[in-house]
Protein backbone atom coordinates (compact mmCIF):
# COMPACT_ATOMS: atom_id res chain seq x y z
CA TYR A 1 52.17 21.01 -22.06
CA CYS A 2 51.84 19.71 -18.46
CA VAL A 3 51.84 21.65 -15.10
CA LEU A 4 52.29 20.36 -11.45
CA PHE A 5 50.50 22.42 -9.08
CA ALA A 6 51.26 22.36 -5.21
CA GLY A 7 48.58 24.30 -3.54
CA ASP A 8 48.83 27.87 -5.14
CA ARG A 9 52.19 27.21 -6.28
CA VAL A 10 53.74 26.05 -9.73
CA VAL A 11 56.29 23.18 -9.17
CA MET A 12 56.84 22.11 -12.70
CA ILE A 13 56.30 22.67 -16.35
CA ALA A 14 56.95 20.32 -19.18
CA ARG A 15 56.30 21.82 -22.60
CA SER A 16 57.12 21.21 -26.32
CA LYS A 17 59.76 23.83 -27.57
CA GLN A 18 57.38 25.02 -30.23
CA TYR A 19 55.07 26.55 -27.07
CA LYS A 20 55.91 29.22 -24.75
CA VAL A 21 53.47 28.84 -21.66
CA HIS A 22 52.16 32.52 -20.84
CA PRO A 23 51.55 33.49 -17.17
CA GLU A 24 47.86 34.42 -18.07
CA GLU A 25 47.55 30.72 -18.87
CA LEU A 26 48.65 29.54 -15.68
CA LEU A 27 46.34 31.77 -13.48
CA MET A 28 43.58 30.67 -15.67
CA LEU A 29 44.54 27.01 -15.01
CA GLN A 30 45.15 27.66 -11.20
CA ASN A 31 41.75 29.30 -10.66
CA PHE A 32 40.00 26.54 -12.39
CA VAL A 33 41.98 23.61 -10.59
CA MET A 34 40.80 25.49 -7.36
CA THR A 35 37.12 25.53 -8.11
CA LYS A 36 34.51 23.16 -6.25
CA ILE A 37 33.77 21.70 -9.63
CA SER A 38 37.48 20.47 -10.06
CA LYS A 39 37.89 19.41 -6.54
CA ASP A 40 34.72 17.12 -6.36
CA SER A 41 36.29 14.89 -8.90
CA PRO A 42 39.64 13.07 -8.50
CA SER A 43 40.14 13.29 -12.25
CA LEU A 44 38.40 15.79 -14.81
CA ASN A 45 38.66 16.31 -18.62
CA ALA A 46 37.14 19.70 -19.31
CA PRO A 47 37.12 21.95 -22.41
CA ILE A 48 39.14 25.17 -22.05
CA CYS A 49 39.85 28.15 -24.39
CA LEU A 50 43.53 29.83 -24.12
CA PRO A 51 43.17 32.98 -25.97
CA ARG A 52 47.20 33.17 -26.31
CA ILE A 53 46.57 30.10 -28.60
CA SER A 54 43.14 30.83 -30.50
CA THR A 55 40.06 33.05 -29.18
CA THR A 56 37.77 30.63 -31.05
CA LEU A 57 39.28 26.94 -30.85
CA PHE A 58 38.88 24.85 -27.44
CA GLY A 59 41.51 22.57 -26.20
CA SER A 60 41.28 19.89 -23.15
CA ALA A 61 42.50 20.39 -19.84
CA TYR A 62 43.02 16.87 -18.32
CA ILE A 63 43.27 17.56 -14.45
CA ARG A 64 43.97 14.80 -11.94
CA HIS A 65 44.30 15.50 -7.96
CA ILE A 66 47.13 13.64 -6.96
CA ASP A 67 46.77 14.47 -3.16
CA LEU A 68 44.75 17.06 -1.48
CA ASN A 69 47.12 19.85 -2.37
CA ILE A 70 48.85 18.27 -5.37
CA THR A 71 47.39 18.77 -8.80
CA MET A 72 48.64 17.76 -12.23
CA VAL A 73 47.26 19.44 -15.47
CA HIS A 74 47.65 18.46 -18.94
CA VAL A 75 46.83 20.83 -21.83
CA SER A 76 46.09 19.30 -25.18
CA SER A 77 44.69 20.73 -28.35
CA ARG A 78 43.12 17.20 -28.63
CA LEU A 79 39.45 16.70 -27.34
CA ASP A 80 39.97 12.82 -27.44
CA ALA A 81 42.86 11.95 -25.53
CA PHE A 82 41.58 11.39 -22.18
CA GLN A 83 42.75 7.75 -21.88
CA GLU A 84 46.17 8.38 -23.27
CA VAL A 85 46.79 11.05 -20.88
CA ASN A 86 45.15 9.40 -17.94
CA MET A 87 48.02 6.39 -18.75
CA ILE A 88 50.77 9.12 -18.82
CA HIS A 89 49.41 10.67 -15.51
CA LYS A 90 49.44 7.12 -13.82
CA CYS A 91 53.23 6.66 -15.14
CA ILE A 92 54.30 10.04 -13.73
CA ILE A 93 52.60 9.33 -10.53
CA ASP A 94 53.80 5.83 -9.90
CA GLU A 95 57.48 7.23 -10.74
CA MET A 96 56.74 9.88 -7.98
CA LYS A 97 55.87 7.51 -5.48
CA GLN A 98 58.66 5.41 -5.99
CA THR A 99 61.47 7.83 -5.82
CA LYS A 100 59.44 9.42 -2.68
CA ALA A 101 59.09 12.59 -4.35
CA LEU A 102 55.53 13.07 -3.78
CA ASP A 103 56.08 12.46 -0.07
CA ARG A 104 58.70 15.15 -0.21
CA LEU A 105 56.44 17.40 -2.33
CA VAL A 106 53.44 16.89 0.06
CA MET A 107 55.83 17.79 3.21
CA HIS A 108 57.05 20.98 1.48
CA VAL A 109 53.57 22.37 0.68
CA LYS A 110 52.45 22.05 4.42
CA ARG A 111 55.57 24.23 5.47
CA SER A 112 54.98 28.02 5.52
CA PRO A 113 56.14 30.11 2.48
CA ASN A 114 59.72 31.37 2.71
CA ASN A 115 60.11 34.73 4.60
CA SER A 116 63.62 34.88 4.46
CA ILE A 117 63.79 38.58 3.35
CA THR A 118 61.32 39.88 5.91
CA SER A 119 62.83 37.83 8.63
CA LYS A 120 66.28 39.56 8.31
CA LYS A 121 64.97 43.06 8.78
CA ALA A 122 62.59 43.83 11.71
CA GLU A 123 61.64 47.17 9.92
CA LEU A 124 60.27 45.24 7.09
CA MET A 125 56.42 44.25 7.06
CA HIS A 126 56.12 43.09 3.76
CA PHE A 127 57.42 43.12 0.24
CA LEU A 128 56.28 42.37 -3.29
CA TYR A 129 58.81 42.00 -6.17
CA HIS A 130 57.37 42.11 -9.68
CA SER A 131 59.46 41.03 -12.57
CA ARG A 132 58.16 43.01 -15.42
CA SER A 133 59.89 41.03 -18.00
CA ARG A 134 58.75 37.66 -16.87
CA HIS A 135 55.32 38.93 -15.95
CA GLN A 136 55.67 37.17 -12.42
CA ILE A 137 55.12 38.14 -9.04
CA VAL A 138 56.59 36.95 -5.59
CA CYS A 139 55.97 38.35 -2.25
CA SER A 140 56.65 37.38 1.57
CA LYS A 141 53.73 35.74 3.50
CA PHE A 142 50.89 38.14 4.95
CA GLU A 143 51.77 38.32 8.41
CA LYS A 144 50.92 40.81 11.23
CA PRO A 145 49.72 43.44 10.60
CA TYR A 146 48.43 42.11 7.32
CA ASN A 147 47.20 38.82 8.58
CA THR A 148 43.68 39.19 7.85
CA ARG A 149 41.77 39.24 4.60
CA ASN A 150 40.93 43.01 4.89
CA THR A 151 44.39 44.30 5.80
CA ALA A 152 46.14 41.98 3.29
CA LYS A 153 43.60 43.63 0.55
CA ARG A 154 44.24 47.09 1.61
CA LEU A 155 47.93 46.71 1.32
CA ILE A 156 47.88 45.05 -2.29
CA ARG A 157 45.34 48.05 -2.80
CA ILE A 158 48.21 50.69 -1.77
CA TYR A 159 50.63 49.01 -3.92
CA LYS A 160 48.20 49.22 -7.05
CA ASN A 161 47.39 52.66 -6.53
CA LEU A 162 51.13 53.49 -6.19
CA HIS A 163 51.98 51.35 -9.66
CA PHE A 164 49.55 53.63 -11.62
CA GLU A 165 50.61 56.73 -9.81
CA LEU A 166 54.11 55.98 -10.80
CA ASP A 167 52.98 55.78 -14.32
CA HIS A 168 51.18 58.95 -14.17
CA LEU A 169 54.02 61.03 -12.47
CA ALA A 170 57.05 59.41 -14.43
CA THR A 171 56.99 62.08 -16.95
CA ALA A 172 57.06 65.12 -14.47
CA SER A 173 59.61 63.38 -12.18
CA SER A 174 63.27 65.25 -11.09
CA THR A 175 66.48 63.61 -11.12
CA PHE A 176 67.28 61.77 -8.16
CA ASN A 177 69.44 59.14 -7.00
CA LEU A 178 68.06 57.23 -3.98
CA THR A 179 71.46 55.49 -2.67
CA SER A 180 73.61 58.48 -3.25
CA ALA A 181 71.20 60.88 -1.21
CA LEU A 182 70.95 58.61 1.45
CA ALA A 183 74.55 58.05 1.65
CA SER A 184 75.18 61.76 1.70
CA GLY A 185 72.57 62.49 4.49
CA GLY A 186 70.01 63.92 2.20
CA SER A 187 66.51 64.11 2.71
CA ILE A 188 63.38 62.80 1.27
CA LYS A 189 60.29 64.22 1.09
CA LEU A 190 57.21 61.47 1.57
CA GLY A 191 54.85 61.34 -1.32
CA ARG A 192 57.42 62.66 -3.80
CA PHE A 193 58.31 60.57 -6.97
CA THR A 194 62.09 60.69 -7.80
CA GLN A 195 64.18 58.87 -10.61
CA ASN A 196 67.64 59.09 -12.14
CA GLU A 197 68.25 57.88 -15.72
CA SER A 198 66.89 54.65 -15.83
CA ASP A 199 65.56 53.83 -11.93
CA CYS A 200 62.79 55.61 -10.16
CA THR A 201 61.78 55.30 -6.35
CA TYR A 202 58.84 56.52 -4.46
CA ILE A 203 58.28 56.82 -0.61
CA HIS A 204 54.50 56.77 0.46
CA SER A 205 53.56 57.19 4.20
CA THR A 206 50.53 56.55 5.78
CA ASN A 207 49.22 56.19 9.38
CA CYS A 208 50.09 52.62 9.19
CA GLU A 209 52.82 52.23 7.22
CA THR A 210 55.75 53.53 5.04
CA ILE A 211 55.66 51.95 1.25
CA PHE A 212 58.91 52.30 -0.44
CA VAL A 213 58.91 51.48 -4.29
CA PHE A 214 61.59 50.93 -6.58
CA ARG A 215 61.13 50.68 -10.49
CA THR A 216 63.05 50.00 -13.66
CA GLU A 217 61.84 48.86 -16.93
CA GLN A 218 62.73 45.04 -15.80
CA LEU A 219 61.30 45.07 -12.20
CA GLU A 220 59.16 46.86 -9.99
CA VAL A 221 59.70 46.36 -5.98
CA PHE A 222 57.09 47.40 -3.28
CA ALA A 223 58.44 47.27 0.59
CA ALA A 224 56.00 47.95 3.54
CA PHE A 225 57.89 49.37 6.50
CA TYR A 226 56.88 50.44 9.93
CA PRO A 227 55.80 54.15 10.21
CA HIS A 228 58.66 56.61 10.92
CA VAL A 229 61.38 54.12 9.66
CA SER A 230 64.81 56.16 9.02
CA LYS A 231 65.91 56.48 5.49
CA GLU A 232 68.95 54.65 6.68
CA SER A 233 67.06 51.53 7.32
CA ILE A 234 65.37 51.80 3.97
CA ALA A 235 68.51 52.07 2.10
CA SER A 236 70.10 49.04 3.87
CA THR A 237 66.83 46.80 3.50
CA TRP A 238 66.78 47.77 -0.14
CA GLN A 239 70.40 46.75 -0.71
CA MET A 240 69.72 43.43 1.23
CA ILE A 241 66.59 42.80 -1.01
CA GLN A 242 68.78 43.17 -4.25
CA SER A 243 71.32 41.00 -2.93
CA VAL A 244 69.16 38.03 -1.97
CA LEU A 245 66.90 38.32 -5.16
CA LYS A 246 70.10 38.26 -7.29
CA LYS A 247 71.27 34.99 -5.84
CA GLU A 248 67.90 33.39 -5.49
CA GLU A 249 66.00 34.67 -8.49
CA GLU A 250 65.96 31.18 -10.32
CA ASP A 251 64.42 29.82 -7.39
CA TYR A 252 61.64 32.58 -6.97
CA PHE A 253 60.56 32.74 -10.72
CA LEU A 254 59.65 30.03 -13.60
CA SER A 255 61.39 30.17 -16.94
CA ILE A 256 58.57 29.50 -19.02
């Protein structure tokens, strides 16, 4: 299969019908593409072990850096296909240049990540959407107050801890429906886990933010609000997130 990377994003995947690319493989490839060894060479043929295929056999990753932030990777089970793959890459790149697709891709990479959701709600500082069925994650850009490495890591650590806390508390939860409770003026105790038959919610408060979590078998959403946000704002923001993601889910996630 072949993968086109633009910065830290996957733009395109071409694969045979017999093989399904797992997100773990994409992460391994992306991490290798970003290494100094890879960056120092315009093209590279490297042996690679993909556990999803075999834990003992090695294939080849043919890496071609088209631009500073544009990279094409071809994964093959053959170890002697470098020249053949190199010609395929050249044909693809020539086609991209002729159709101006490469220029458009370079311009797109230079733009800021899409923060359409956080820009619509002043109370919302950050959100992360985890598609559990696809094993993929999309999140908004880390802007103030999470625009430094330490503050961004702190927020991700909170998300991670809440994720595991939900696993532990799920069996001891009480029956609850967030939308109905908010609509009827019901109160929510911060730090309490709640759920109905299929959905569960959690609200966690710190000195710096209020974290809202919504979780089902298919998805998991984390949203960081400013402290002391009202329950009405949380409810309306969650409804907006649902609406946006429902319309744009195919654009946010890869079908692999």
